[in-house]
Amino acid sequence: MVLAAPAAVAHASDRGARIAAVAIALAWHAAIGLPAVLGARTEFAAPAVVLGGWALVAVAGAVAGVRLLRGAQLPPWPLAALLVAVDVAVFAAAGERQLFTAGNWVWSTLGWFFLLAMWGRRVTGLLALLATHALIALAAVLWHGPDTADLARYVMYVYGTFSLPVAVFMGSAAIVGLARDRAATAAAGHAMAAERDAAERALRERRDRLALVGAAAGRVLGDLAAGQADPDDPEVQRRCMLAAARLRRLIAESDDVPDPLLHELRAAADLAERNGLPIDLVTIGSPPPLPVEIRRRLADPLTGVLADARGWARLTVVSGPDEVVISLVTPDREGPVAAGPPLGEHDDGPVQHLYERDGDIRWAQTRWRK
């Protein structure tokens, strides 16, 4: 996202500049060039060549403009060669009397079509085309035997031909680059603020959860210290094991490991083994990255069932890109279920829970689907 936002802003800025360049080229060609050509058509040395060149450039410019606005790549050098050929033909066909008039439309118009041809490429290509245009014009001026006034007009016309298209080309590139840089800075700032807010929220949630878990462990220890609980009582042992498992899993949440969910489940399994419960942990596949809240909803119910297990336990984790299923099987025994939600299937947000018992085994399962 941080990289996509600057690219989108730069694309929007570049599209705006393309629209402006296409509009200037076609409007100038139609609103200024065409009336001047029609008004002086009887004074050209070859009127058909001048009018035909105007029409050819209008069609080529329209096609180039449509492709630019659609974001398609233009064949720059074939289009540039066509424009240069028209440039030579119009200068030759305009004649001496129309050399420096508006009727010789290539003076004022052709530079904008050079701009369209070279759009999105290095400015050196545009400068090369404009320099070629200036040389063609100089050859035409020299062919007609210029005087000092003609050379002065030539310099002024060349300056006008160069300055505006180059200014638009460089200005649009600068604006696009500036927009991209500012968007990248803004996106990075928003990303940092979001990460900071997420870290602060996670820290608050962790502190709240630690307080709850610590309070539960404190009550058990308080009862034992006050003599109100018997260490040999299975229910007291289960409460101690459950509190220890939750504390251990809470600590494991902050460990930087490749598979946080498996790490947290191994921590619970290790604690059960230390308390004398043989447990098999089987993993198939690698869990995808999951938020802490999803991992808690997957692991916490099984931790409670594991604390109530006797004899042995088998913990199976089956993972895929879009699903994680954790199953816990333990021997069943008489009496009500001492831990975990009621028997049957129910949902806890995005995580499904299933608890069953048949007199021989107890089976608990949590499932997350993307």
Foldseek 3Di string as FASTA:
>chain_A
DLQVQLVVQLVVLLLVLLVVLLCVQLCCLPVQAVVLLVVCLVVWQASVLLVVLSVVLNVVSVVLSVCVNVVHADPQPVQLVSLLVSLLSLLVGRDDVCLLPCNSVCLQRSLSVNLSSQAPHDCVSSVVSLVSSLVSSVVSCVVVPHDPVSVVSSVVSSCNSPPVSSCSRVVSVVVSVVSSVVSSVVSVVVVVVVVVVVVVVVVVVLVVQCVVLVVLLVVLVVCVVVVVDDPVDLVSQLSNLLSVLSVQLSVLCPDDDPASLVSSVVSLVVSLVVVPAAEAEEEADGADDDDPVVSCVFVNQVSSQSSNAPHYKYWYWYHDDFKIKIKMKGFDDDDDRPGHDDAAWDDDVQKIWHWDDDNGMIMIMIMGGD
